[in-house]
Amino acid sequence: MIHSIYLIIASSGLCVLSRRYGEITFDEDLIAGFLTALKDFTTEVTAGRGVIRIIDMKEYNVILVFREGIMLAAAADKLDDKNIAMKSLEILVQTFNEKYQDELDKWMGNISIFEDFTEIMDRQLQEGKIAEVPIRVPKLVKKIPKMAVKMGLMDEALLKVGQLCDGKRTVEDIAEELGMPEDEVIIKVDDLEQMGWVEMVSPEE
């Protein structure tokens, strides 16, 4: 789920609105200052061509959208659909700019004028659940022979992935544990599934 969201006015670096839906939250002043500095640094070193969209915090992602002087930052679970979350934030930024265009042109720092936007946030993000997807993890359905590689059934990398398909680890967990790109693990899990060694199931407790 999207645990929290922060709306920041880029020109001032001020967080004018935030919402909490889950457990992951930040100090508003710290997150606003950090992200404003990060945006400025990225703009400087890339001559304005670089954009950071996702910050990987290991346990969760911080998803960023910046447009027309407004920055939205959301702390989201790793398993949330990143594209859905990003699109939802983009819609919110567009809606915010359209709703408060006149006020922003002459804004003097009064953040109370934005309070009614919280209802729009809640509705658009479905109380933080907009990007949730059913969690499915790979699980071995039959034991892989120790001699699988020598028998030509699979290569070493495929064997290592298969051995970690325990019905508890996500693809992301397996990739991190093996030091392997996530895209590569996804392909190997799909191969194992096609070969009948693995099936995708709800995670075990």
N, C-alpha and C. Protein backbone atom coordinates (compact mmCIF):
# COMPACT_ATOMS: atom_id res chain seq x y z
N MET A 1 0.84 -1.19 0.00
CA MET A 1 0.00 0.00 0.00
C MET A 1 0.88 1.25 0.00
N ILE A 2 0.27 2.38 -0.33
CA ILE A 2 0.95 3.66 -0.18
C ILE A 2 0.75 4.07 1.27
N HIS A 3 1.84 4.12 2.01
CA HIS A 3 1.76 4.38 3.45
C HIS A 3 1.58 5.86 3.78
N SER A 4 2.25 6.70 3.02
CA SER A 4 2.14 8.14 3.27
C SER A 4 2.49 8.90 2.00
N ILE A 5 2.01 10.14 1.95
CA ILE A 5 2.25 10.97 0.77
C ILE A 5 2.49 12.41 1.22
N TYR A 6 3.38 13.09 0.49
CA TYR A 6 3.79 14.44 0.86
C TYR A 6 3.76 15.34 -0.37
N LEU A 7 3.09 16.47 -0.24
CA LEU A 7 3.00 17.43 -1.35
C LEU A 7 3.88 18.63 -1.00
N ILE A 8 4.84 18.90 -1.88
CA ILE A 8 5.87 19.91 -1.60
C ILE A 8 5.87 20.98 -2.69
N ILE A 9 5.89 22.24 -2.26
CA ILE A 9 6.04 23.35 -3.19
C ILE A 9 7.53 23.52 -3.47
N ALA A 10 7.95 23.29 -4.69
CA ALA A 10 9.38 23.26 -5.01
C ALA A 10 10.09 24.58 -4.75
N SER A 11 9.44 25.69 -5.05
CA SER A 11 10.09 26.99 -4.93
C SER A 11 10.49 27.32 -3.50
N SER A 12 9.70 26.83 -2.55
CA SER A 12 9.98 27.11 -1.14
C SER A 12 10.54 25.91 -0.40
N GLY A 13 10.40 24.72 -1.00
CA GLY A 13 10.82 23.51 -0.32
C GLY A 13 9.94 23.18 0.87
N LEU A 14 8.73 23.69 0.86
CA LEU A 14 7.82 23.53 1.98
C LEU A 14 6.80 22.42 1.71
N CYS A 15 6.64 21.51 2.66
CA CYS A 15 5.60 20.49 2.56
C CYS A 15 4.29 21.11 3.03
N VAL A 16 3.33 21.24 2.14
CA VAL A 16 2.09 21.93 2.48
C VAL A 16 0.95 20.98 2.80
N LEU A 17 1.16 19.71 2.50
CA LEU A 17 0.08 18.74 2.72
C LEU A 17 0.68 17.34 2.83
N SER A 18 0.15 16.56 3.74
CA SER A 18 0.58 15.16 3.84
C SER A 18 -0.58 14.31 4.32
N ARG A 19 -0.51 13.03 3.96
CA ARG A 19 -1.54 12.09 4.39
C ARG A 19 -0.86 10.80 4.80
N ARG A 20 -1.39 10.16 5.82
CA ARG A 20 -0.86 8.88 6.28
C ARG A 20 -1.93 7.81 6.14
N TYR A 21 -1.55 6.71 5.49
CA TYR A 21 -2.47 5.58 5.32
C TYR A 21 -1.93 4.29 5.96
N GLY A 22 -0.63 4.26 6.21
CA GLY A 22 -0.02 3.06 6.77
C GLY A 22 1.00 3.40 7.84
N GLU A 23 2.03 2.57 7.96
CA GLU A 23 2.98 2.71 9.05
C GLU A 23 4.22 3.54 8.70
N ILE A 24 4.58 3.63 7.43
CA ILE A 24 5.81 4.31 7.04
C ILE A 24 5.55 5.80 6.87
N THR A 25 6.18 6.60 7.71
CA THR A 25 6.02 8.06 7.63
C THR A 25 7.37 8.74 7.80
N PHE A 26 7.42 10.02 7.43
CA PHE A 26 8.64 10.82 7.55
C PHE A 26 8.31 12.14 8.23
N ASP A 27 9.33 12.74 8.79
CA ASP A 27 9.20 14.11 9.26
C ASP A 27 9.01 15.01 8.03
N GLU A 28 7.96 15.81 8.03
CA GLU A 28 7.62 16.60 6.85
C GLU A 28 8.74 17.55 6.43
N ASP A 29 9.35 18.22 7.40
CA ASP A 29 10.41 19.18 7.08
C ASP A 29 11.63 18.46 6.52
N LEU A 30 11.97 17.31 7.11
CA LEU A 30 13.15 16.58 6.65
C LEU A 30 12.96 16.03 5.24
N ILE A 31 11.80 15.42 4.97
CA ILE A 31 11.57 14.84 3.65
C ILE A 31 11.50 15.93 2.59
N ALA A 32 10.89 17.07 2.94
CA ALA A 32 10.80 18.18 1.99
C ALA A 32 12.18 18.74 1.67
N GLY A 33 12.99 18.92 2.70
CA GLY A 33 14.33 19.45 2.49
C GLY A 33 15.20 18.50 1.70
N PHE A 34 15.13 17.22 2.06
CA PHE A 34 15.95 16.21 1.37
C PHE A 34 15.58 16.11 -0.11
N LEU A 35 14.29 16.01 -0.40
CA LEU A 35 13.87 15.81 -1.78
C LEU A 35 14.09 17.07 -2.62
N THR A 36 13.93 18.23 -2.02
CA THR A 36 14.19 19.47 -2.75
C THR A 36 15.67 19.57 -3.11
N ALA A 37 16.54 19.22 -2.15
CA ALA A 37 17.98 19.23 -2.41
C ALA A 37 18.35 18.18 -3.45
N LEU A 38 17.72 17.01 -3.37
CA LEU A 38 18.00 15.95 -4.33
C LEU A 38 17.58 16.36 -5.74
N LYS A 39 16.42 16.99 -5.85
CA LYS A 39 15.96 17.46 -7.16
C LYS A 39 16.90 18.50 -7.73
N ASP A 40 17.33 19.45 -6.89
CA ASP A 40 18.24 20.50 -7.35
C ASP A 40 19.58 19.91 -7.77
N PHE A 41 20.07 18.94 -6.99
CA PHE A 41 21.35 18.30 -7.32
C PHE A 41 21.25 17.56 -8.65
N THR A 42 20.17 16.81 -8.83
CA THR A 42 19.97 16.06 -10.07
C THR A 42 19.89 16.99 -11.27
N THR A 43 19.17 18.09 -11.10
CA THR A 43 19.06 19.08 -12.17
C THR A 43 20.42 19.66 -12.53
N GLU A 44 21.23 19.92 -11.49
CA GLU A 44 22.54 20.53 -11.69
C GLU A 44 23.49 19.60 -12.43
N VAL A 45 23.58 18.35 -11.98
CA VAL A 45 24.59 17.44 -12.55
C VAL A 45 24.17 16.86 -13.89
N THR A 46 22.88 16.94 -14.22
CA THR A 46 22.42 16.40 -15.51
C THR A 46 21.98 17.50 -16.47
N ALA A 47 22.23 18.75 -16.08
CA ALA A 47 21.83 19.90 -16.91
C ALA A 47 20.33 19.88 -17.19
N GLY A 48 19.58 19.44 -16.20
CA GLY A 48 18.13 19.45 -16.32
C GLY A 48 17.53 18.28 -17.05
N ARG A 49 18.37 17.33 -17.48
CA ARG A 49 17.84 16.21 -18.27
C ARG A 49 17.51 14.98 -17.42
N GLY A 50 18.04 14.93 -16.21
CA GLY A 50 17.82 13.75 -15.38
C GLY A 50 16.65 13.92 -14.43
N VAL A 51 15.93 12.83 -14.22
CA VAL A 51 14.80 12.84 -13.30
C VAL A 51 14.83 11.57 -12.47
N ILE A 52 14.76 11.73 -11.16
CA ILE A 52 14.67 10.57 -10.27
C ILE A 52 13.20 10.27 -10.03
N ARG A 53 12.78 9.07 -10.33
CA ARG A 53 11.37 8.71 -10.18
C ARG A 53 11.12 7.80 -8.97
N ILE A 54 12.10 6.94 -8.68
CA ILE A 54 11.93 6.00 -7.57
C ILE A 54 13.22 5.92 -6.77
N ILE A 55 13.09 6.03 -5.45
CA ILE A 55 14.22 5.85 -4.55
C ILE A 55 14.01 4.52 -3.81
N ASP A 56 14.94 3.59 -4.00
CA ASP A 56 14.84 2.27 -3.39
C ASP A 56 15.38 2.35 -1.97
N MET A 57 14.49 2.16 -0.98
CA MET A 57 14.88 2.23 0.42
C MET A 57 14.98 0.83 1.05
N LYS A 58 15.14 -0.18 0.21
CA LYS A 58 15.29 -1.59 0.59
C LYS A 58 13.97 -2.19 1.08
N GLU A 59 13.39 -1.62 2.13
CA GLU A 59 12.14 -2.17 2.67
C GLU A 59 10.91 -1.59 1.96
N TYR A 60 11.09 -0.46 1.29
CA TYR A 60 9.98 0.19 0.60
C TYR A 60 10.55 1.11 -0.47
N ASN A 61 9.69 1.66 -1.30
CA ASN A 61 10.10 2.62 -2.33
C ASN A 61 9.54 3.99 -2.01
N VAL A 62 10.30 5.03 -2.35
CA VAL A 62 9.76 6.38 -2.34
C VAL A 62 9.56 6.77 -3.80
N ILE A 63 8.30 6.99 -4.17
CA ILE A 63 7.95 7.29 -5.55
C ILE A 63 7.78 8.81 -5.68
N LEU A 64 8.41 9.39 -6.70
CA LEU A 64 8.44 10.84 -6.85
C LEU A 64 7.82 11.28 -8.17
N VAL A 65 7.07 12.35 -8.09
CA VAL A 65 6.55 13.00 -9.30
C VAL A 65 6.76 14.50 -9.14
N PHE A 66 7.36 15.12 -10.15
CA PHE A 66 7.60 16.56 -10.12
C PHE A 66 7.07 17.18 -11.40
N ARG A 67 6.22 18.19 -11.22
CA ARG A 67 5.65 18.84 -12.40
C ARG A 67 5.17 20.24 -12.04
N GLU A 68 5.53 21.20 -12.87
CA GLU A 68 5.05 22.57 -12.74
C GLU A 68 5.21 23.12 -11.32
N GLY A 69 6.38 22.87 -10.74
CA GLY A 69 6.68 23.44 -9.43
C GLY A 69 6.13 22.69 -8.24
N ILE A 70 5.49 21.56 -8.48
CA ILE A 70 4.91 20.75 -7.40
C ILE A 70 5.59 19.39 -7.38
N MET A 71 5.96 18.94 -6.18
CA MET A 71 6.54 17.62 -6.02
C MET A 71 5.66 16.78 -5.10
N LEU A 72 5.39 15.56 -5.54
CA LEU A 72 4.67 14.60 -4.71
C LEU A 72 5.60 13.44 -4.42
N ALA A 73 5.67 13.05 -3.16
CA ALA A 73 6.49 11.91 -2.75
C ALA A 73 5.62 10.95 -1.96
N ALA A 74 5.70 9.67 -2.31
CA ALA A 74 4.89 8.67 -1.63
C ALA A 74 5.74 7.49 -1.20
N ALA A 75 5.56 7.04 0.03
CA ALA A 75 6.24 5.84 0.53
C ALA A 75 5.33 4.66 0.25
N ALA A 76 5.80 3.74 -0.59
CA ALA A 76 4.96 2.64 -1.05
C ALA A 76 5.65 1.30 -0.84
N ASP A 77 4.85 0.27 -0.61
CA ASP A 77 5.40 -1.08 -0.47
C ASP A 77 6.11 -1.50 -1.74
N LYS A 78 7.11 -2.34 -1.59
CA LYS A 78 7.88 -2.84 -2.74
C LYS A 78 6.98 -3.55 -3.75
N LEU A 79 5.96 -4.24 -3.27
CA LEU A 79 5.13 -5.05 -4.15
C LEU A 79 4.00 -4.26 -4.81
N ASP A 80 3.86 -2.99 -4.45
CA ASP A 80 2.86 -2.17 -5.12
C ASP A 80 3.22 -2.01 -6.60
N ASP A 81 2.19 -1.86 -7.42
CA ASP A 81 2.42 -1.62 -8.84
C ASP A 81 2.96 -0.21 -9.01
N LYS A 82 4.23 -0.09 -9.40
CA LYS A 82 4.89 1.21 -9.50
C LYS A 82 4.24 2.09 -10.56
N ASN A 83 3.81 1.50 -11.66
CA ASN A 83 3.20 2.29 -12.74
C ASN A 83 1.87 2.90 -12.30
N ILE A 84 1.08 2.10 -11.58
CA ILE A 84 -0.21 2.60 -11.09
C ILE A 84 0.01 3.72 -10.08
N ALA A 85 0.97 3.50 -9.16
CA ALA A 85 1.27 4.52 -8.15
C ALA A 85 1.74 5.81 -8.80
N MET A 86 2.65 5.69 -9.78
CA MET A 86 3.19 6.85 -10.47
C MET A 86 2.09 7.62 -11.20
N LYS A 87 1.24 6.90 -11.90
CA LYS A 87 0.15 7.53 -12.64
C LYS A 87 -0.81 8.26 -11.70
N SER A 88 -1.09 7.65 -10.56
CA SER A 88 -1.98 8.27 -9.58
C SER A 88 -1.39 9.57 -9.03
N LEU A 89 -0.09 9.57 -8.79
CA LEU A 89 0.56 10.79 -8.30
C LEU A 89 0.56 11.87 -9.38
N GLU A 90 0.77 11.47 -10.63
CA GLU A 90 0.75 12.44 -11.72
C GLU A 90 -0.62 13.09 -11.85
N ILE A 91 -1.67 12.29 -11.68
CA ILE A 91 -3.03 12.83 -11.73
C ILE A 91 -3.26 13.81 -10.60
N LEU A 92 -2.74 13.48 -9.42
CA LEU A 92 -2.90 14.37 -8.27
C LEU A 92 -2.18 15.70 -8.49
N VAL A 93 -0.97 15.65 -9.03
CA VAL A 93 -0.22 16.89 -9.29
C VAL A 93 -0.97 17.76 -10.29
N GLN A 94 -1.48 17.14 -11.36
CA GLN A 94 -2.23 17.88 -12.37
C GLN A 94 -3.49 18.49 -11.77
N THR A 95 -4.20 17.70 -10.97
CA THR A 95 -5.43 18.18 -10.34
C THR A 95 -5.15 19.32 -9.38
N PHE A 96 -4.07 19.19 -8.61
CA PHE A 96 -3.69 20.23 -7.65
C PHE A 96 -3.38 21.54 -8.37
N ASN A 97 -2.59 21.46 -9.43
CA ASN A 97 -2.24 22.66 -10.17
C ASN A 97 -3.45 23.33 -10.80
N GLU A 98 -4.37 22.52 -11.31
CA GLU A 98 -5.58 23.07 -11.91
C GLU A 98 -6.48 23.72 -10.87
N LYS A 99 -6.59 23.08 -9.71
CA LYS A 99 -7.49 23.56 -8.66
C LYS A 99 -6.97 24.85 -8.00
N TYR A 100 -5.65 24.94 -7.84
CA TYR A 100 -5.09 26.06 -7.09
C TYR A 100 -4.22 26.99 -7.94
N GLN A 101 -4.43 26.98 -9.24
CA GLN A 101 -3.59 27.78 -10.13
C GLN A 101 -3.55 29.25 -9.73
N ASP A 102 -4.71 29.83 -9.48
CA ASP A 102 -4.77 31.25 -9.13
C ASP A 102 -4.11 31.50 -7.78
N GLU A 103 -4.36 30.62 -6.83
CA GLU A 103 -3.79 30.80 -5.49
C GLU A 103 -2.27 30.66 -5.52
N LEU A 104 -1.76 29.73 -6.33
CA LEU A 104 -0.32 29.50 -6.40
C LEU A 104 0.41 30.68 -7.02
N ASP A 105 -0.24 31.37 -7.96
CA ASP A 105 0.39 32.51 -8.62
C ASP A 105 0.68 33.64 -7.63
N LYS A 106 -0.11 33.72 -6.58
CA LYS A 106 0.07 34.81 -5.60
C LYS A 106 0.21 34.27 -4.18
N TRP A 107 0.66 33.03 -4.08
CA TRP A 107 0.75 32.37 -2.78
C TRP A 107 1.78 33.04 -1.88
N MET A 108 1.35 33.26 -0.62
CA MET A 108 2.20 33.94 0.35
C MET A 108 2.61 33.04 1.52
N GLY A 109 2.34 31.73 1.38
CA GLY A 109 2.79 30.81 2.43
C GLY A 109 1.70 30.25 3.31
N ASN A 110 0.45 30.62 3.07
CA ASN A 110 -0.67 30.10 3.88
C ASN A 110 -1.05 28.71 3.39
N ILE A 111 -0.70 27.67 4.17
CA ILE A 111 -0.95 26.30 3.73
C ILE A 111 -2.37 25.83 4.02
N SER A 112 -3.12 26.59 4.81
CA SER A 112 -4.48 26.16 5.17
C SER A 112 -5.41 26.15 3.97
N ILE A 113 -5.06 26.91 2.92
CA ILE A 113 -5.94 26.97 1.75
C ILE A 113 -5.94 25.65 0.98
N PHE A 114 -4.98 24.76 1.28
CA PHE A 114 -4.89 23.50 0.56
C PHE A 114 -5.54 22.33 1.30
N GLU A 115 -6.09 22.59 2.49
CA GLU A 115 -6.57 21.51 3.34
C GLU A 115 -7.66 20.66 2.68
N ASP A 116 -8.50 21.29 1.88
CA ASP A 116 -9.61 20.52 1.29
C ASP A 116 -9.13 19.54 0.21
N PHE A 117 -7.84 19.65 -0.17
CA PHE A 117 -7.31 18.73 -1.18
C PHE A 117 -7.10 17.33 -0.61
N THR A 118 -7.11 17.21 0.72
CA THR A 118 -6.91 15.89 1.33
C THR A 118 -7.99 14.90 0.91
N GLU A 119 -9.21 15.38 0.74
CA GLU A 119 -10.30 14.50 0.30
C GLU A 119 -10.04 13.97 -1.09
N ILE A 120 -9.50 14.82 -1.96
CA ILE A 120 -9.18 14.40 -3.32
C ILE A 120 -8.05 13.36 -3.29
N MET A 121 -7.05 13.59 -2.44
CA MET A 121 -5.96 12.63 -2.27
C MET A 121 -6.51 11.26 -1.84
N ASP A 122 -7.32 11.28 -0.81
CA ASP A 122 -7.86 10.03 -0.27
C ASP A 122 -8.65 9.27 -1.34
N ARG A 123 -9.42 10.00 -2.11
CA ARG A 123 -10.25 9.36 -3.13
C ARG A 123 -9.40 8.82 -4.27
N GLN A 124 -8.45 9.61 -4.74
CA GLN A 124 -7.60 9.18 -5.86
C GLN A 124 -6.73 7.98 -5.47
N LEU A 125 -6.22 7.99 -4.26
CA LEU A 125 -5.32 6.92 -3.81
C LEU A 125 -6.06 5.77 -3.13
N GLN A 126 -7.38 5.89 -3.07
CA GLN A 126 -8.20 4.85 -2.43
C GLN A 126 -7.67 4.52 -1.03
N GLU A 127 -7.45 5.58 -0.27
CA GLU A 127 -6.92 5.46 1.10
C GLU A 127 -5.60 4.67 1.12
N GLY A 128 -4.80 4.85 0.08
CA GLY A 128 -3.49 4.21 0.02
C GLY A 128 -3.47 2.86 -0.65
N LYS A 129 -4.61 2.37 -1.11
CA LYS A 129 -4.69 1.01 -1.65
C LYS A 129 -4.69 0.95 -3.17
N ILE A 130 -4.56 2.10 -3.84
CA ILE A 130 -4.70 2.17 -5.29
C ILE A 130 -3.74 1.25 -6.03
N ALA A 131 -2.52 1.08 -5.53
CA ALA A 131 -1.49 0.33 -6.27
C ALA A 131 -1.28 -1.08 -5.72
N GLU A 132 -2.11 -1.50 -4.78
CA GLU A 132 -1.93 -2.83 -4.23
C GLU A 132 -2.27 -3.89 -5.27
N VAL A 133 -1.47 -4.93 -5.30
CA VAL A 133 -1.71 -6.07 -6.19
C VAL A 133 -1.63 -7.34 -5.37
N PRO A 134 -2.37 -8.39 -5.76
CA PRO A 134 -2.27 -9.64 -5.03
C PRO A 134 -0.84 -10.16 -5.02
N ILE A 135 -0.34 -10.50 -3.86
CA ILE A 135 1.04 -10.97 -3.75
C ILE A 135 1.12 -12.44 -4.15
N ARG A 136 2.00 -12.73 -5.11
CA ARG A 136 2.24 -14.10 -5.53
C ARG A 136 3.75 -14.36 -5.47
N VAL A 137 4.11 -15.49 -4.92
CA VAL A 137 5.52 -15.84 -4.79
C VAL A 137 5.76 -17.22 -5.40
N PRO A 138 6.99 -17.47 -5.88
CA PRO A 138 7.28 -18.78 -6.49
C PRO A 138 7.54 -19.85 -5.44
N LYS A 139 7.01 -21.05 -5.71
CA LYS A 139 7.20 -22.18 -4.79
C LYS A 139 7.48 -23.45 -5.59
N LEU A 140 8.51 -24.16 -5.17
CA LEU A 140 8.82 -25.44 -5.81
C LEU A 140 7.69 -26.43 -5.57
N VAL A 141 7.28 -27.12 -6.62
CA VAL A 141 6.22 -28.12 -6.47
C VAL A 141 6.80 -29.53 -6.50
N LYS A 142 8.07 -29.63 -6.87
CA LYS A 142 8.76 -30.91 -6.79
C LYS A 142 10.24 -30.66 -6.58
N LYS A 143 10.90 -31.55 -5.92
CA LYS A 143 12.30 -31.38 -5.55
C LYS A 143 13.20 -31.44 -6.78
N ILE A 144 14.11 -30.47 -6.86
CA ILE A 144 15.07 -30.45 -7.96
C ILE A 144 16.21 -31.41 -7.63
N PRO A 145 16.51 -32.36 -8.51
CA PRO A 145 17.61 -33.30 -8.24
C PRO A 145 18.93 -32.58 -8.05
N LYS A 146 19.78 -33.10 -7.16
CA LYS A 146 21.08 -32.49 -6.91
C LYS A 146 21.94 -32.48 -8.17
N MET A 147 21.70 -33.45 -9.03
CA MET A 147 22.50 -33.56 -10.25
C MET A 147 21.83 -32.88 -11.44
N ALA A 148 20.87 -31.98 -11.17
CA ALA A 148 20.09 -31.36 -12.25
C ALA A 148 20.97 -30.68 -13.29
N VAL A 149 22.03 -30.01 -12.83
CA VAL A 149 22.90 -29.30 -13.76
C VAL A 149 23.69 -30.30 -14.62
N LYS A 150 24.28 -31.32 -13.97
CA LYS A 150 25.06 -32.31 -14.70
C LYS A 150 24.17 -33.12 -15.63
N MET A 151 22.91 -33.28 -15.25
CA MET A 151 21.97 -34.04 -16.10
C MET A 151 21.48 -33.20 -17.28
N GLY A 152 21.81 -31.89 -17.28
CA GLY A 152 21.40 -31.02 -18.38
C GLY A 152 19.98 -30.51 -18.26
N LEU A 153 19.40 -30.65 -17.05
CA LEU A 153 18.02 -30.19 -16.85
C LEU A 153 17.94 -28.66 -16.74
N MET A 154 19.01 -28.07 -16.24
CA MET A 154 19.04 -26.62 -16.05
C MET A 154 20.47 -26.18 -15.82
N ASP A 155 20.69 -24.85 -15.94
CA ASP A 155 22.04 -24.35 -15.66
C ASP A 155 22.16 -23.99 -14.18
N GLU A 156 23.36 -23.59 -13.78
CA GLU A 156 23.64 -23.31 -12.37
C GLU A 156 22.79 -22.17 -11.83
N ALA A 157 22.63 -21.12 -12.62
CA ALA A 157 21.85 -19.97 -12.19
C ALA A 157 20.38 -20.33 -11.98
N LEU A 158 19.84 -21.13 -12.88
CA LEU A 158 18.45 -21.55 -12.76
C LEU A 158 18.27 -22.41 -11.52
N LEU A 159 19.24 -23.26 -11.24
CA LEU A 159 19.19 -24.10 -10.04
C LEU A 159 19.18 -23.25 -8.77
N LYS A 160 20.04 -22.24 -8.73
CA LYS A 160 20.12 -21.39 -7.55
C LYS A 160 18.81 -20.66 -7.30
N VAL A 161 18.18 -20.18 -8.38
CA VAL A 161 16.88 -19.51 -8.24
C VAL A 161 15.85 -20.50 -7.74
N GLY A 162 15.82 -21.68 -8.35
CA GLY A 162 14.85 -22.70 -7.95
C GLY A 162 14.97 -23.09 -6.50
N GLN A 163 16.18 -23.17 -5.99
CA GLN A 163 16.39 -23.58 -4.61
C GLN A 163 15.85 -22.57 -3.60
N LEU A 164 15.66 -21.33 -4.05
CA LEU A 164 15.13 -20.29 -3.16
C LEU A 164 13.63 -20.08 -3.31
N CYS A 165 13.01 -20.83 -4.20
CA CYS A 165 11.56 -20.72 -4.41
C CYS A 165 10.85 -21.54 -3.33
N ASP A 166 10.70 -20.92 -2.16
CA ASP A 166 10.17 -21.65 -1.01
C ASP A 166 8.74 -21.27 -0.62
N GLY A 167 8.10 -20.46 -1.45
CA GLY A 167 6.74 -20.05 -1.13
C GLY A 167 6.68 -18.91 -0.14
N LYS A 168 7.84 -18.40 0.24
CA LYS A 168 7.90 -17.27 1.18
C LYS A 168 8.63 -16.08 0.56
N ARG A 169 9.70 -16.37 -0.15
CA ARG A 169 10.49 -15.30 -0.76
C ARG A 169 9.81 -14.77 -2.02
N THR A 170 9.83 -13.45 -2.17
CA THR A 170 9.35 -12.85 -3.41
C THR A 170 10.48 -12.90 -4.44
N VAL A 171 10.14 -12.61 -5.68
CA VAL A 171 11.16 -12.53 -6.73
C VAL A 171 12.21 -11.49 -6.35
N GLU A 172 11.77 -10.40 -5.77
CA GLU A 172 12.68 -9.35 -5.35
C GLU A 172 13.64 -9.85 -4.26
N ASP A 173 13.10 -10.64 -3.32
CA ASP A 173 13.93 -11.21 -2.26
C ASP A 173 15.01 -12.12 -2.85
N ILE A 174 14.59 -12.97 -3.80
CA ILE A 174 15.53 -13.91 -4.42
C ILE A 174 16.62 -13.16 -5.17
N ALA A 175 16.23 -12.13 -5.90
CA ALA A 175 17.20 -11.34 -6.66
C ALA A 175 18.23 -10.71 -5.73
N GLU A 176 17.76 -10.16 -4.62
CA GLU A 176 18.67 -9.52 -3.67
C GLU A 176 19.61 -10.54 -3.02
N GLU A 177 19.06 -11.70 -2.67
CA GLU A 177 19.86 -12.72 -2.00
C GLU A 177 20.95 -13.28 -2.92
N LEU A 178 20.63 -13.39 -4.21
CA LEU A 178 21.59 -13.94 -5.16
C LEU A 178 22.47 -12.87 -5.81
N GLY A 179 22.13 -11.61 -5.57
CA GLY A 179 22.87 -10.54 -6.24
C GLY A 179 22.65 -10.54 -7.73
N MET A 180 21.43 -10.90 -8.14
CA MET A 180 21.08 -11.04 -9.55
C MET A 180 20.04 -9.98 -9.93
N PRO A 181 20.10 -9.43 -11.12
CA PRO A 181 19.08 -8.45 -11.54
C PRO A 181 17.67 -9.05 -11.43
N GLU A 182 16.75 -8.24 -10.96
CA GLU A 182 15.37 -8.72 -10.75
C GLU A 182 14.75 -9.21 -12.06
N ASP A 183 15.01 -8.51 -13.16
CA ASP A 183 14.46 -8.91 -14.46
C ASP A 183 14.93 -10.32 -14.84
N GLU A 184 16.18 -10.61 -14.51
CA GLU A 184 16.73 -11.92 -14.83
C GLU A 184 16.07 -13.01 -13.98
N VAL A 185 15.82 -12.70 -12.73
CA VAL A 185 15.16 -13.67 -11.84
C VAL A 185 13.74 -13.93 -12.32
N ILE A 186 13.05 -12.88 -12.76
CA ILE A 186 11.68 -13.04 -13.27
C ILE A 186 11.67 -14.03 -14.44
N ILE A 187 12.64 -13.89 -15.35
CA ILE A 187 12.73 -14.78 -16.51
C ILE A 187 12.99 -16.22 -16.06
N LYS A 188 13.87 -16.39 -15.09
CA LYS A 188 14.22 -17.74 -14.64
C LYS A 188 13.06 -18.38 -13.89
N VAL A 189 12.34 -17.61 -13.11
CA VAL A 189 11.16 -18.15 -12.42
C VAL A 189 10.11 -18.57 -13.44
N ASP A 190 9.96 -17.76 -14.49
CA ASP A 190 9.02 -18.11 -15.56
C ASP A 190 9.46 -19.40 -16.25
N ASP A 191 10.76 -19.55 -16.48
CA ASP A 191 11.28 -20.78 -17.09
C ASP A 191 10.98 -21.99 -16.20
N LEU A 192 11.21 -21.82 -14.90
CA LEU A 192 10.95 -22.92 -13.96
C LEU A 192 9.47 -23.28 -13.92
N GLU A 193 8.63 -22.25 -14.04
CA GLU A 193 7.19 -22.49 -14.05
C GLU A 193 6.78 -23.25 -15.32
N GLN A 194 7.36 -22.86 -16.46
CA GLN A 194 7.06 -23.53 -17.71
C GLN A 194 7.55 -24.98 -17.71
N MET A 195 8.62 -25.24 -16.97
CA MET A 195 9.19 -26.58 -16.88
C MET A 195 8.45 -27.45 -15.86
N GLY A 196 7.53 -26.83 -15.12
CA GLY A 196 6.76 -27.60 -14.15
C GLY A 196 7.40 -27.75 -12.78
N TRP A 197 8.49 -27.02 -12.53
CA TRP A 197 9.17 -27.11 -11.24
C TRP A 197 8.58 -26.15 -10.20
N VAL A 198 8.00 -25.07 -10.68
CA VAL A 198 7.56 -23.99 -9.79
C VAL A 198 6.14 -23.57 -10.13
N GLU A 199 5.41 -23.13 -9.12
CA GLU A 199 4.12 -22.49 -9.35
C GLU A 199 4.04 -21.23 -8.49
N MET A 200 3.25 -20.28 -8.93
CA MET A 200 3.09 -19.03 -8.19
C MET A 200 1.93 -19.19 -7.22
N VAL A 201 2.19 -18.90 -5.94
CA VAL A 201 1.19 -19.10 -4.90
C VAL A 201 1.13 -17.87 -3.99
N SER A 202 0.10 -17.84 -3.12
CA SER A 202 0.05 -16.82 -2.08
C SER A 202 1.15 -17.13 -1.08
N PRO A 203 1.81 -16.11 -0.54
CA PRO A 203 2.94 -16.36 0.35
C PRO A 203 2.53 -17.10 1.61
N GLU A 204 3.40 -18.04 2.02
CA GLU A 204 3.16 -18.78 3.25
C GLU A 204 3.58 -17.96 4.45
N GLU A 205 2.93 -18.21 5.57
CA GLU A 205 3.30 -17.51 6.79
C GLU A 205 4.62 -18.07 7.33
